[in-house]
Amino acid sequence: MRRRREKFPLDNHERWLISYADFITLLFAFFVVMYAISSVNENKYRIVSESIDAALGKLPLREEPAARAAPVQLSPEVRELIRHKEAQRAEQVQMTGVANNILQVMAPLVREGKVRVTQSRRGVSIEINANVLFAPGRADLGPESAQVLRSVAAVLKDEPFRIEVAGHTDNVPIRNSVFASNWDLSAVRAASVVRVLAENGIQPTRLTAVGREATQPVEPNTTPEGRARNRRVELMILSGEPDPVSEIPIKQP
C-alpha cells in the first residue's frame, strides 16, 4: 500500500521585509522628531534656560533687551499721575526730616507731653498746649513762650511748605473786657504765634492764622484734663503735593 506523503507548509523567507519596514518607519519617525527639536528658536530656548537657572539661584536673571518689548504708550494723565506720586514720596521723606528736627528742638516739652508732633498725608502737625504759650484767658506771648516759637521758626524758615496756625479753646465760654468769645481768643492767639514766626525768618506769604474755638476737640470737655488738652495751638506744615484722589474737579458754568 502506497504511503501518503505529508505536506508541510513552506517557510516564508520574505518575512524579514515586514520587520525591516517597521524599523525604517520607526527610524524615520525618530529623525523627524530630532529635526523638530533642532528647529527650536535658539534665543527663546536660551531665555527659558537662563530664567530657570536664575530661579534656581545659579545665574542672575538676564534682562530682555528693550527692543524686544513692545513700547508702552502712556497717556498724559497717567504720566502726570506717576510724576505726582514720585513727588509725593520725595516730599514725605522731606516732611519726615522736618518732623524729626522739630522733635529734637522741642524734646523736653515732648517728653512732658506738652508738645505732640505727628505726620499725616496732609503734612506735619505740631500741637502745643496753650499753657506753654499763654496765661489763662490771655493771648500775649511771654519771653519763654516766644523762645519756644523761635526754635520752631529756626527749623521751618528754610523749608518751602506753607504753615497754618490754628488756635483752639475748650467749651467754657469766655467773656471779658478783651475777648467777647472763644472765637476771638482762639483767633488772636493764632495771630500772635504767626507774628512771632514771621519776625523770625518765615515768609509771611507762607503763614495763615485761623481761630477754631472749641469746634475740633481732641478730648471730651467733660473733665479738667480734657479741657486742658483741648486748649492748644496747632501749627500745621502743609503738604505741597496733596493726594489727587481727594481733589474733585468742579464743572464750571
Protein backbone atom coordinates (compact mmCIF):
# COMPACT_ATOMS: atom_id res chain seq x y z
CA MET A 1 0.00 0.00 0.00
CA ARG A 2 1.37 3.33 -1.07
CA ARG A 3 2.24 5.60 1.78
CA ARG A 4 0.65 9.03 1.74
CA ARG A 5 3.18 11.84 1.78
CA GLU A 6 2.57 14.52 4.44
CA LYS A 7 2.56 18.08 3.23
CA PHE A 8 4.40 20.65 5.34
CA PRO A 9 3.91 24.39 4.86
CA LEU A 10 6.74 26.08 3.09
CA ASP A 11 8.84 28.62 5.07
CA ASN A 12 8.20 32.31 4.11
CA HIS A 13 11.67 33.69 3.52
CA GLU A 14 10.36 37.26 2.98
CA ARG A 15 9.01 37.92 6.50
CA TRP A 16 12.15 39.91 7.31
CA LEU A 17 10.83 42.60 4.98
CA ILE A 18 8.00 43.33 7.43
CA SER A 19 10.40 43.81 10.34
CA TYR A 20 12.69 45.88 8.17
CA ALA A 21 9.82 48.11 7.07
CA ASP A 22 8.78 48.63 10.72
CA PHE A 23 12.33 49.51 11.64
CA ILE A 24 12.65 52.00 8.78
CA THR A 25 9.34 53.60 9.80
CA LEU A 26 10.46 53.99 13.40
CA LEU A 27 13.82 55.34 12.29
CA PHE A 28 12.10 57.88 10.04
CA ALA A 29 9.86 59.00 12.90
CA PHE A 30 12.90 59.33 15.15
CA PHE A 31 14.68 61.63 12.69
CA VAL A 32 11.54 63.69 12.20
CA VAL A 33 11.34 64.27 15.96
CA MET A 34 15.04 65.13 16.12
CA TYR A 35 14.61 67.62 13.30
CA ALA A 36 11.65 69.22 15.01
CA ILE A 37 13.64 69.65 18.25
CA SER A 38 16.62 71.09 16.42
CA SER A 39 14.44 73.81 14.85
CA VAL A 40 13.53 75.42 18.22
CA ASN A 41 14.29 79.13 18.31
CA GLU A 42 17.69 79.40 19.96
CA ASN A 43 17.00 82.79 21.52
CA LYS A 44 13.80 81.63 23.16
CA TYR A 45 15.48 78.45 24.36
CA ARG A 46 18.35 80.47 25.84
CA ILE A 47 15.97 82.87 27.60
CA VAL A 48 13.96 79.99 29.10
CA SER A 49 17.15 78.24 30.16
CA GLU A 50 18.57 81.34 31.85
CA SER A 51 15.25 82.05 33.58
CA ILE A 52 15.22 78.54 35.04
CA ASP A 53 18.85 78.92 36.18
CA ALA A 54 18.06 82.28 37.77
CA ALA A 55 15.07 80.81 39.58
CA LEU A 56 17.33 78.11 40.96
CA GLY A 57 19.87 80.70 42.10
CA LYS A 58 22.56 79.73 39.61
CA LEU A 59 22.71 82.83 37.41
CA PRO A 60 21.45 86.41 37.60
CA LEU A 61 18.34 86.88 35.51
CA ARG A 62 19.18 88.30 32.11
CA GLU A 63 17.00 91.20 31.18
CA GLU A 64 15.35 91.23 27.82
CA PRO A 65 16.64 93.96 25.52
CA ALA A 66 14.36 96.94 25.42
CA ALA A 67 13.94 96.48 21.68
CA ARG A 68 12.14 93.17 22.20
CA ALA A 69 9.50 94.66 24.49
CA ALA A 70 6.63 96.40 22.85
CA PRO A 71 6.74 100.11 23.73
CA VAL A 72 4.01 101.20 26.15
CA GLN A 73 2.36 104.47 25.30
CA LEU A 74 1.21 106.31 28.43
CA SER A 75 -1.45 108.95 28.30
CA PRO A 76 -0.62 112.45 29.59
CA GLU A 77 -2.90 111.84 32.56
CA VAL A 78 -1.06 108.66 33.55
CA ARG A 79 2.34 110.34 33.15
CA GLU A 80 1.17 113.21 35.34
CA LEU A 81 -0.12 110.77 37.98
CA ILE A 82 3.24 108.95 38.02
CA ARG A 83 5.10 112.26 38.36
CA HIS A 84 2.76 113.30 41.16
CA LYS A 85 3.26 110.06 43.09
CA GLU A 86 7.04 110.36 42.79
CA ALA A 87 6.86 113.96 44.04
CA GLN A 88 4.66 112.83 46.93
CA ARG A 89 7.17 110.19 48.01
CA ALA A 90 10.05 112.68 47.87
CA GLU A 91 8.04 115.23 49.83
CA GLN A 92 7.09 112.70 52.52
CA VAL A 93 10.77 111.96 53.06
CA GLN A 94 11.43 115.69 53.41
CA MET A 95 8.47 116.08 55.77
CA THR A 96 9.78 113.25 57.94
CA GLY A 97 13.09 115.09 58.24
CA VAL A 98 11.27 118.26 59.32
CA ALA A 99 9.28 116.32 61.93
CA ASN A 100 12.45 114.77 63.35
CA ASN A 101 14.12 118.19 63.59
CA ILE A 102 11.11 119.60 65.44
CA LEU A 103 11.19 116.67 67.84
CA GLN A 104 14.85 117.38 68.59
CA VAL A 105 14.48 121.10 69.32
CA MET A 106 11.34 120.53 71.44
CA ALA A 107 12.43 117.29 73.11
CA PRO A 108 11.89 118.45 76.74
CA LEU A 109 8.32 119.60 76.04
CA VAL A 110 7.62 116.44 74.05
CA ARG A 111 8.75 114.28 76.97
CA GLU A 112 6.45 116.23 79.29
CA GLY A 113 3.51 115.67 76.95
CA LYS A 114 3.08 119.40 76.30
CA VAL A 115 4.03 119.17 72.62
CA ARG A 116 2.93 116.49 70.15
CA VAL A 117 4.39 116.07 66.67
CA THR A 118 2.61 113.84 64.17
CA GLN A 119 2.81 113.28 60.42
CA SER A 120 -0.05 112.53 58.05
CA ARG A 121 -0.82 112.83 54.35
CA ARG A 122 -1.87 116.42 55.00
CA GLY A 123 1.53 117.30 56.47
CA VAL A 124 3.26 117.59 59.84
CA SER A 125 1.29 118.74 62.88
CA ILE A 126 2.94 120.49 65.84
CA GLU A 127 0.44 120.66 68.67
CA ILE A 128 1.45 122.92 71.59
CA ASN A 129 -0.58 123.08 74.79
CA ALA A 130 -1.90 126.58 75.36
CA ASN A 131 -0.44 126.76 78.88
CA VAL A 132 3.05 126.54 77.31
CA LEU A 133 2.43 129.76 75.39
CA PHE A 134 -0.31 131.74 77.11
CA ALA A 135 -1.66 132.59 80.52
CA PRO A 136 -5.34 131.63 81.06
CA GLY A 137 -7.65 133.95 79.10
CA ARG A 138 -4.70 135.80 77.54
CA ALA A 139 -3.25 135.93 74.01
CA ASP A 140 0.06 137.73 74.57
CA LEU A 141 3.30 135.73 74.49
CA GLY A 142 5.90 135.98 77.25
CA PRO A 143 9.68 135.70 76.70
CA GLU A 144 9.80 131.94 77.34
CA SER A 145 6.85 131.31 75.02
CA ALA A 146 8.45 133.35 72.27
CA GLN A 147 11.67 131.36 72.65
CA VAL A 148 9.77 128.12 72.02
CA LEU A 149 8.37 129.57 68.79
CA ARG A 150 11.76 130.92 67.73
CA SER A 151 13.14 127.39 67.93
CA VAL A 152 10.35 126.20 65.66
CA ALA A 153 10.94 129.07 63.24
CA ALA A 154 14.64 128.21 63.02
CA VAL A 155 13.72 124.75 61.73
CA LEU A 156 10.99 125.90 59.33
CA LYS A 157 12.30 129.14 57.86
CA ASP A 158 14.27 127.47 55.04
CA GLU A 159 11.55 124.95 54.17
CA PRO A 160 9.17 125.64 51.25
CA PHE A 161 5.97 124.49 52.95
CA ARG A 162 3.03 126.66 53.92
CA ILE A 163 2.12 126.80 57.62
CA GLU A 164 -1.38 127.06 59.04
CA VAL A 165 -1.58 128.15 62.68
CA ALA A 166 -4.89 127.31 64.38
CA GLY A 167 -5.97 128.38 67.85
CA HIS A 168 -8.26 126.05 69.84
CA THR A 169 -10.11 126.52 73.11
CA ASP A 170 -12.26 124.40 75.40
CA ASN A 171 -16.05 124.80 75.54
CA VAL A 172 -16.11 127.04 78.62
CA PRO A 173 -17.37 130.44 77.42
CA ILE A 174 -15.11 133.43 77.96
CA ARG A 175 -16.33 136.99 78.23
CA ASN A 176 -14.10 139.77 79.48
CA SER A 177 -13.05 143.25 78.52
CA VAL A 178 -10.62 141.90 75.87
CA PHE A 179 -12.39 138.93 74.27
CA ALA A 180 -16.09 138.69 73.65
CA SER A 181 -15.98 134.94 72.90
CA ASN A 182 -13.74 131.94 72.49
CA TRP A 183 -13.71 132.66 68.77
CA ASP A 184 -11.91 135.91 69.44
CA LEU A 185 -9.49 134.30 71.89
CA SER A 186 -8.53 131.44 69.53
CA ALA A 187 -8.08 133.75 66.54
CA VAL A 188 -5.91 136.28 68.41
CA ARG A 189 -3.75 133.52 69.88
CA ALA A 190 -3.15 132.11 66.38
CA ALA A 191 -2.28 135.61 65.12
CA SER A 192 0.20 136.10 67.98
CA VAL A 193 2.02 132.89 67.02
CA VAL A 194 2.06 133.87 63.34
CA ARG A 195 3.57 137.25 64.20
CA VAL A 196 6.49 135.66 66.10
CA LEU A 197 7.14 133.19 63.28
CA ALA A 198 7.17 135.99 60.71
CA GLU A 199 9.55 138.04 62.88
CA ASN A 200 11.96 135.09 62.97
CA GLY A 201 12.54 134.45 59.30
CA ILE A 202 9.43 132.74 57.93
CA GLN A 203 7.96 134.48 54.90
CA PRO A 204 4.53 135.96 55.76
CA THR A 205 3.15 134.59 52.47
CA ARG A 206 3.62 131.09 53.89
CA LEU A 207 1.63 131.81 57.06
CA THR A 208 -2.09 131.63 57.83
CA ALA A 209 -3.82 132.26 61.18
CA VAL A 210 -7.12 130.52 61.96
CA GLY A 211 -9.37 130.60 65.02
CA ARG A 212 -11.29 127.37 65.57
CA GLU A 213 -12.79 127.99 69.05
CA ALA A 214 -13.95 124.64 70.55
CA THR A 215 -15.12 123.09 67.28
CA GLN A 216 -12.34 120.48 67.00
CA PRO A 217 -11.73 118.95 70.44
CA VAL A 218 -9.22 116.11 70.75
CA GLU A 219 -10.57 115.06 74.18
CA PRO A 220 -14.03 115.29 75.77
CA ASN A 221 -14.62 118.60 77.52
CA THR A 222 -16.24 116.81 80.45
CA THR A 223 -13.10 116.74 82.63
CA PRO A 224 -10.48 119.33 83.59
CA GLU A 225 -7.81 117.18 81.92
CA GLY A 226 -9.80 117.00 78.70
CA ARG A 227 -10.40 120.76 78.63
CA ALA A 228 -6.70 121.42 79.27
CA ARG A 229 -5.82 119.14 76.35
CA ASN A 230 -8.22 120.98 74.06
CA ARG A 231 -6.72 124.38 74.84
CA ARG A 232 -3.91 124.31 72.29
CA VAL A 233 -2.27 125.91 69.28
CA GLU A 234 -1.61 123.71 66.26
CA LEU A 235 1.00 124.50 63.63
CA MET A 236 0.19 122.50 60.50
CA ILE A 237 3.05 122.28 58.00
CA LEU A 238 1.01 121.69 54.87
CA SER A 239 1.93 119.27 52.12
CA GLY A 240 2.59 120.87 48.77
CA GLU A 241 1.54 117.67 46.96
CA PRO A 242 -1.97 116.82 48.16
CA ASP A 243 -3.48 113.50 47.19
CA PRO A 244 -5.12 113.90 43.76
CA VAL A 245 -7.83 111.40 44.76
CA SER A 246 -9.20 113.94 47.24
CA GLU A 247 -9.34 116.66 44.61
CA ILE A 248 -12.77 116.69 42.92
CA PRO A 249 -12.96 118.87 39.81
CA ILE A 250 -15.95 121.23 39.70
CA LYS A 251 -17.64 121.83 36.38
CA GLN A 252 -17.66 125.49 35.58
CA PRO A 253 -20.96 127.05 34.42
